[in-house]
Amino acid sequence: MEYEVELMDLERSKELRTKYYSQDLFSTKADISGLCIELITADKNHTDMWKDNFYAMSEHIKAHAKIYSIKDETMEMKVLFEPATNVAFLFNFDYYGWIKSIGLGISGNILEESHNIYSIHGAALDIDGVGLTLIAPSKTGKTTQSWGLLRAKNAHMISDDWYFVKLGIGRPAVFGSEKNCYIDADIGDVWEEYKPLIRNIRFDNEGRGIANVRCTAGESSVITRTTMHYIILMKRDPFDPETIRKLTSEEGVKYMIENDMCNPHQMVRSEHKINLRKKFIAEYFSACDIYLVNTIESAKKTQELIRNIVLD
């Protein structure tokens, strides 16, 4: 995590809203799992990406949370978050990926407390009615492998980055969070099928852009929900020759705790919140088959390993 989240009180939030109210700011609202999350910023490119990224929310709906992305040379790059009214101030953020993830993190913070709906920073797919998820720390190959799996017969993308989980009777129900994906420009270098997709994407200064995978994989390639069967945890450890191993649910939970839930965008990390998330992960993992894949091989070889698990 390369930015700091600092909690603030309501008075500080009101003070900042008053201070920056007169600035020339754009505003747009997103529907994130039924919540209205509003982005307010002077960066028109970021509002355009936000609109492409998320499902639209009516401008007449009052916001459940507000994110102010502000340029202020007197401030260091940081996030100030007021959890009672779910207002965040992001100072000097150029990278859209963090802005959208903070929006998702705030949504998760609301949903887990009020609706028993939990967040996973990971990819989720449905292949012929069977749900699977890839969960990993950044730069481990999660997005590459999820887009590789989308090439399989009867495969559907739920999300390549973040999804929500509702537990109950039977298998966990999972549902997506974003309309379109925020992808790297080199996705077509790994999977040839996606080269036509990236030709019409406007990439940002980080070499990433919003992509509508339906343009190459078909209109039905993205669906909103599935039930989870397989959990694929990933790591990249060149000192471990074992490339795949089945885990117990306890081992899976241990992996998640040791890797900060594979989610650097947790807005509140109080003891109460951490215990809430640990309890959820234990219940979620106990309902699924869990594997650990070491991504030290080529992307295509790793893809074969994952397919051998979920397409047997």
Protein backbone atom coordinates (compact mmCIF):
# COMPACT_ATOMS: atom_id res chain seq x y z
CA MET A 1 0.00 0.00 0.00
CA GLU A 2 1.55 3.26 -1.12
CA TYR A 3 -0.87 5.74 0.39
CA GLU A 4 -1.88 6.44 3.95
CA VAL A 5 -5.47 6.31 5.25
CA GLU A 6 -6.08 8.55 8.24
CA LEU A 7 -9.44 8.58 10.03
CA MET A 8 -10.94 12.00 10.74
CA ASP A 9 -13.92 13.19 12.75
CA LEU A 10 -17.10 14.83 11.47
CA GLU A 11 -15.93 18.35 12.29
CA ARG A 12 -12.77 17.94 10.21
CA SER A 13 -14.85 16.53 7.34
CA LYS A 14 -17.20 19.55 7.44
CA GLU A 15 -14.22 21.89 7.53
CA LEU A 16 -12.69 20.33 4.41
CA ARG A 17 -15.99 20.30 2.52
CA THR A 18 -16.39 24.00 3.26
CA LYS A 19 -12.80 24.74 2.24
CA TYR A 20 -13.00 23.04 -1.17
CA TYR A 21 -16.66 23.79 -1.95
CA SER A 22 -15.88 26.78 -4.18
CA GLN A 23 -13.46 24.87 -6.42
CA ASP A 24 -14.51 24.02 -9.99
CA LEU A 25 -15.21 20.31 -9.47
CA PHE A 26 -16.91 17.65 -11.58
CA SER A 27 -19.27 15.15 -9.96
CA THR A 28 -20.53 11.72 -11.02
CA LYS A 29 -22.33 8.90 -9.20
CA ALA A 30 -21.83 5.13 -9.46
CA ASP A 31 -24.03 2.22 -8.46
CA ILE A 32 -21.76 -0.13 -6.52
CA SER A 33 -23.79 -3.11 -5.32
CA GLY A 34 -26.82 -0.90 -4.75
CA LEU A 35 -24.90 1.88 -3.01
CA CYS A 36 -24.62 5.35 -4.49
CA ILE A 37 -20.94 6.35 -4.42
CA GLU A 38 -20.18 9.88 -5.66
CA LEU A 39 -16.83 10.99 -7.04
CA ILE A 40 -16.10 14.73 -6.87
CA THR A 41 -12.92 15.93 -8.58
CA ALA A 42 -11.37 18.56 -10.83
CA ASP A 43 -9.90 15.81 -13.04
CA LYS A 44 -12.30 15.30 -15.95
CA ASN A 45 -10.36 12.22 -17.13
CA HIS A 46 -11.01 10.53 -13.80
CA THR A 47 -14.75 11.26 -13.94
CA ASP A 48 -14.86 9.84 -17.47
CA MET A 49 -13.04 6.68 -16.37
CA TRP A 50 -15.33 6.35 -13.35
CA LYS A 51 -18.38 6.50 -15.64
CA ASP A 52 -16.90 3.84 -17.95
CA ASN A 53 -15.82 1.68 -15.03
CA PHE A 54 -19.00 1.48 -12.96
CA TYR A 55 -22.72 1.07 -13.48
CA ALA A 56 -24.47 4.45 -13.53
CA MET A 57 -26.57 5.70 -10.63
CA SER A 58 -29.31 8.27 -11.13
CA GLU A 59 -28.12 11.76 -10.26
CA HIS A 60 -31.36 12.16 -8.26
CA ILE A 61 -30.25 9.50 -5.74
CA LYS A 62 -28.57 10.86 -2.62
CA ALA A 63 -25.04 9.54 -2.11
CA HIS A 64 -24.26 6.91 0.52
CA ALA A 65 -20.61 7.95 0.32
CA LYS A 66 -18.65 10.83 -1.22
CA ILE A 67 -15.08 10.80 -2.47
CA TYR A 68 -13.37 14.15 -2.99
CA SER A 69 -10.21 13.85 -5.07
CA ILE A 70 -8.37 17.13 -4.53
CA LYS A 71 -5.17 18.67 -5.85
CA ASP A 72 -3.57 20.75 -3.10
CA GLU A 73 0.15 21.46 -3.09
CA THR A 74 0.05 22.25 0.63
CA MET A 75 -0.98 18.65 1.42
CA GLU A 76 0.95 15.39 1.15
CA MET A 77 -0.58 12.47 -0.73
CA LYS A 78 -2.96 10.79 1.69
CA VAL A 79 -6.57 9.76 2.32
CA LEU A 80 -8.66 11.29 5.08
CA PHE A 81 -11.76 9.19 5.82
CA GLU A 82 -14.72 10.00 8.03
CA PRO A 83 -16.55 6.69 8.63
CA ALA A 84 -19.78 7.99 10.20
CA THR A 85 -20.93 9.71 6.99
CA ASN A 86 -18.52 7.85 4.66
CA VAL A 87 -16.77 10.92 3.28
CA ALA A 88 -13.21 10.59 1.98
CA PHE A 89 -10.74 13.22 0.85
CA LEU A 90 -8.01 11.99 -1.48
CA PHE A 91 -5.17 14.45 -1.81
CA ASN A 92 -2.95 14.57 -4.91
CA PHE A 93 -3.97 11.22 -6.43
CA ASP A 94 -2.95 10.89 -10.08
CA TYR A 95 -3.54 7.14 -10.32
CA TYR A 96 -7.16 6.28 -11.14
CA GLY A 97 -6.69 2.68 -9.96
CA TRP A 98 -6.42 3.82 -6.36
CA ILE A 99 -9.45 6.10 -6.67
CA LYS A 100 -11.70 3.33 -7.93
CA SER A 101 -10.37 0.89 -5.32
CA ILE A 102 -11.06 3.38 -2.53
CA GLY A 103 -14.61 3.67 -3.85
CA LEU A 104 -14.91 -0.10 -3.63
CA GLY A 105 -13.25 -0.14 -0.21
CA ILE A 106 -15.75 2.37 1.16
CA SER A 107 -18.61 0.34 -0.32
CA GLY A 108 -17.26 -2.78 1.37
CA ASN A 109 -16.92 -0.93 4.66
CA ILE A 110 -20.62 -0.01 4.53
CA LEU A 111 -21.94 -3.36 3.29
CA GLU A 112 -20.08 -5.61 5.74
CA GLU A 113 -21.44 -3.70 8.72
CA SER A 114 -25.01 -3.02 7.61
CA HIS A 115 -25.86 -5.89 5.28
CA ASN A 116 -23.49 -8.80 6.08
CA ILE A 117 -22.08 -8.54 2.57
CA TYR A 118 -18.30 -8.83 2.38
CA SER A 119 -15.59 -7.78 -0.06
CA ILE A 120 -12.93 -9.83 -1.78
CA HIS A 121 -10.12 -8.09 -3.65
CA GLY A 122 -9.89 -10.77 -6.31
CA ALA A 123 -11.20 -12.04 -9.63
CA ALA A 124 -14.37 -14.14 -9.92
CA LEU A 125 -15.62 -16.16 -12.89
CA ASP A 126 -18.35 -18.64 -13.71
CA ILE A 127 -17.45 -21.56 -15.98
CA ASP A 128 -20.44 -23.66 -17.00
CA GLY A 129 -22.27 -22.83 -13.77
CA VAL A 130 -19.26 -23.36 -11.50
CA GLY A 131 -17.89 -20.32 -9.66
CA LEU A 132 -14.17 -19.83 -9.10
CA THR A 133 -12.07 -17.05 -7.69
CA LEU A 134 -8.42 -16.02 -7.98
CA ILE A 135 -7.09 -14.20 -4.91
CA ALA A 136 -3.54 -12.94 -4.65
CA PRO A 137 -1.31 -10.03 -3.64
CA SER A 138 -0.63 -7.46 -6.36
CA LYS A 139 1.70 -8.39 -9.23
CA THR A 140 1.13 -12.14 -8.82
CA GLY A 141 -0.78 -12.70 -12.06
CA LYS A 142 -4.40 -12.59 -10.86
CA THR A 143 -5.71 -10.39 -13.69
CA THR A 144 -3.69 -12.18 -16.37
CA GLN A 145 -4.97 -15.57 -15.28
CA SER A 146 -8.59 -14.45 -14.93
CA TRP A 147 -8.58 -13.10 -18.48
CA GLY A 148 -6.95 -16.35 -19.59
CA LEU A 149 -9.77 -18.37 -18.01
CA LEU A 150 -12.36 -16.21 -19.76
CA ARG A 151 -11.20 -17.85 -23.00
CA ALA A 152 -12.52 -21.23 -21.80
CA LYS A 153 -15.75 -22.66 -23.18
CA ASN A 154 -18.87 -21.40 -21.32
CA ALA A 155 -16.79 -18.96 -19.24
CA HIS A 156 -18.22 -15.71 -17.89
CA MET A 157 -16.50 -12.87 -16.05
CA ILE A 158 -18.02 -11.64 -12.79
CA SER A 159 -15.12 -9.33 -11.93
CA ASP A 160 -11.38 -9.28 -12.56
CA ASP A 161 -10.55 -7.21 -9.48
CA TRP A 162 -13.20 -6.96 -6.74
CA TYR A 163 -16.43 -8.73 -5.86
CA PHE A 164 -18.89 -9.09 -3.00
CA VAL A 165 -19.97 -12.22 -1.11
CA LYS A 166 -23.20 -13.08 0.70
CA LEU A 167 -23.11 -16.13 2.95
CA GLY A 168 -26.12 -18.25 3.86
CA ILE A 169 -27.52 -21.71 3.18
CA GLY A 170 -25.59 -23.61 0.51
CA ARG A 171 -22.69 -22.26 -1.50
CA PRO A 172 -21.62 -18.61 -1.07
CA ALA A 173 -23.32 -16.21 -3.50
CA VAL A 174 -20.93 -13.78 -5.18
CA PHE A 175 -21.69 -10.80 -7.36
CA GLY A 176 -19.65 -8.28 -9.29
CA SER A 177 -18.94 -4.65 -8.61
CA GLU A 178 -17.86 -3.06 -11.89
CA LYS A 179 -19.38 -2.66 -15.34
CA ASN A 180 -16.04 -2.69 -17.15
CA CYS A 181 -12.47 -3.67 -16.24
CA TYR A 182 -9.38 -1.55 -15.58
CA ILE A 183 -6.66 -3.44 -17.46
CA ASP A 184 -2.98 -3.27 -18.36
CA ALA A 185 -2.00 -2.38 -21.92
CA ASP A 186 0.00 -5.61 -22.29
CA ILE A 187 -2.92 -8.04 -21.82
CA GLY A 188 -2.87 -8.73 -25.57
CA ASP A 189 0.80 -9.70 -25.40
CA VAL A 190 -0.14 -12.69 -23.23
CA TRP A 191 -3.50 -13.65 -24.74
CA GLU A 192 -3.71 -12.93 -28.49
CA GLU A 193 -7.51 -12.87 -28.42
CA TYR A 194 -7.49 -9.51 -26.63
CA LYS A 195 -5.26 -7.58 -29.03
CA PRO A 196 -8.26 -6.13 -30.91
CA LEU A 197 -9.73 -4.96 -27.60
CA ILE A 198 -6.84 -2.73 -26.58
CA ARG A 199 -6.71 -0.82 -29.88
CA ASN A 200 -9.62 1.43 -28.89
CA ILE A 201 -8.71 1.97 -25.23
CA ARG A 202 -7.34 5.26 -23.98
CA PHE A 203 -4.57 4.32 -21.53
CA ASP A 204 -3.54 6.54 -18.64
CA ASN A 205 -0.07 7.48 -17.42
CA GLU A 206 0.18 4.12 -15.64
CA GLY A 207 -0.43 2.18 -18.87
CA ARG A 208 -3.93 1.13 -17.81
CA GLY A 209 -7.39 1.80 -19.20
CA ILE A 210 -11.06 0.84 -18.97
CA ALA A 211 -11.95 -2.08 -21.24
CA ASN A 212 -15.30 -3.59 -22.19
CA VAL A 213 -14.44 -7.28 -22.61
CA ARG A 214 -17.84 -7.87 -24.25
CA CYS A 215 -16.38 -6.32 -27.41
CA THR A 216 -14.17 -9.37 -27.98
CA ALA A 217 -15.66 -12.15 -25.82
CA GLY A 218 -19.32 -11.46 -26.60
CA GLU A 219 -22.20 -9.66 -24.92
CA SER A 220 -22.91 -12.59 -22.57
CA SER A 221 -19.27 -12.90 -21.43
CA VAL A 222 -19.97 -10.75 -18.36
CA ILE A 223 -22.63 -11.78 -15.85
CA THR A 224 -23.48 -10.32 -12.47
CA ARG A 225 -23.39 -13.30 -10.10
CA THR A 226 -22.56 -16.96 -9.44
CA THR A 227 -22.08 -19.36 -6.54
CA MET A 228 -18.54 -20.13 -5.44
CA HIS A 229 -16.98 -23.60 -5.69
CA TYR A 230 -13.21 -23.11 -6.10
CA ILE A 231 -10.85 -20.68 -4.38
CA ILE A 232 -7.45 -20.36 -6.08
CA LEU A 233 -4.90 -18.55 -3.92
CA MET A 234 -1.75 -17.42 -5.69
CA LYS A 235 1.81 -16.58 -4.77
CA ARG A 236 5.07 -16.05 -6.63
CA ASP A 237 7.91 -17.74 -4.75
CA PRO A 238 10.90 -18.84 -6.87
CA PHE A 239 12.36 -20.64 -3.86
CA ASP A 240 9.39 -23.02 -3.63
CA PRO A 241 9.48 -25.69 -6.40
CA GLU A 242 5.90 -26.82 -5.68
CA THR A 243 3.56 -25.17 -8.17
CA ILE A 244 0.18 -26.38 -6.89
CA ARG A 245 -1.15 -27.66 -3.59
CA LYS A 246 -4.60 -28.30 -2.12
CA LEU A 247 -5.17 -26.45 1.15
CA THR A 248 -7.41 -26.94 4.14
CA SER A 249 -9.72 -24.06 4.99
CA GLU A 250 -7.51 -23.29 8.01
CA GLU A 251 -4.44 -23.03 5.77
CA GLY A 252 -6.37 -20.76 3.41
CA VAL A 253 -7.41 -18.47 6.25
CA LYS A 254 -3.80 -18.34 7.47
CA TYR A 255 -2.67 -17.31 3.97
CA MET A 256 -5.22 -14.49 3.89
CA ILE A 257 -4.27 -13.16 7.32
CA GLU A 258 -0.56 -13.27 6.52
CA ASN A 259 -1.21 -11.33 3.28
CA ASP A 260 -3.45 -8.61 4.78
CA MET A 261 -6.52 -10.23 3.17
CA CYS A 262 -4.81 -9.50 -0.19
CA ASN A 263 -6.53 -6.13 0.07
CA PRO A 264 -4.55 -2.93 0.63
CA HIS A 265 -7.74 -0.85 0.29
CA GLN A 266 -9.38 -1.62 3.64
CA MET A 267 -10.57 1.78 4.83
CA VAL A 268 -10.96 0.94 8.52
CA ARG A 269 -8.66 -1.50 10.29
CA SER A 270 -10.03 -1.46 13.81
CA GLU A 271 -9.92 -4.61 15.92
CA HIS A 272 -13.66 -4.99 15.40
CA LYS A 273 -13.35 -4.76 11.60
CA ILE A 274 -10.40 -7.16 11.43
CA ASN A 275 -12.23 -9.76 13.54
CA LEU A 276 -15.34 -9.35 11.37
CA ARG A 277 -13.33 -10.04 8.22
CA LYS A 278 -11.48 -13.01 9.73
CA LYS A 279 -14.79 -14.61 10.73
CA PHE A 280 -16.16 -14.08 7.23
CA ILE A 281 -13.08 -15.58 5.53
CA ALA A 282 -13.21 -18.66 7.76
CA GLU A 283 -16.86 -19.29 6.87
CA TYR A 284 -16.36 -18.50 3.18
CA PHE A 285 -13.35 -20.78 2.79
CA SER A 286 -14.99 -23.64 4.68
CA ALA A 287 -17.65 -23.82 1.93
CA CYS A 288 -15.19 -24.14 -0.99
CA ASP A 289 -12.31 -26.22 -2.34
CA ILE A 290 -9.06 -24.28 -1.91
CA TYR A 291 -5.80 -24.51 -3.85
CA LEU A 292 -2.52 -22.59 -3.74
CA VAL A 293 -0.83 -21.96 -7.11
CA ASN A 294 2.76 -20.73 -7.31
CA THR A 295 3.03 -18.56 -10.45
CA ILE A 296 6.74 -19.12 -11.10
CA GLU A 297 6.07 -20.72 -14.49
CA SER A 298 5.06 -18.86 -17.65
CA ALA A 299 1.55 -17.36 -17.76
CA LYS A 300 0.43 -20.09 -20.15
CA LYS A 301 1.81 -22.89 -17.96
CA THR A 302 0.16 -21.41 -14.89
CA GLN A 303 -3.08 -21.23 -16.87
CA GLU A 304 -2.84 -24.97 -17.52
CA LEU A 305 -2.40 -25.66 -13.82
CA ILE A 306 -5.48 -23.63 -12.92
CA ARG A 307 -7.56 -25.20 -15.70
CA ASN A 308 -6.61 -28.67 -14.47
CA ILE A 309 -8.24 -27.74 -11.14
CA VAL A 310 -11.47 -26.16 -12.35
CA LEU A 311 -12.04 -27.91 -15.68
CA ASP A 312 -11.42 -31.53 -14.69
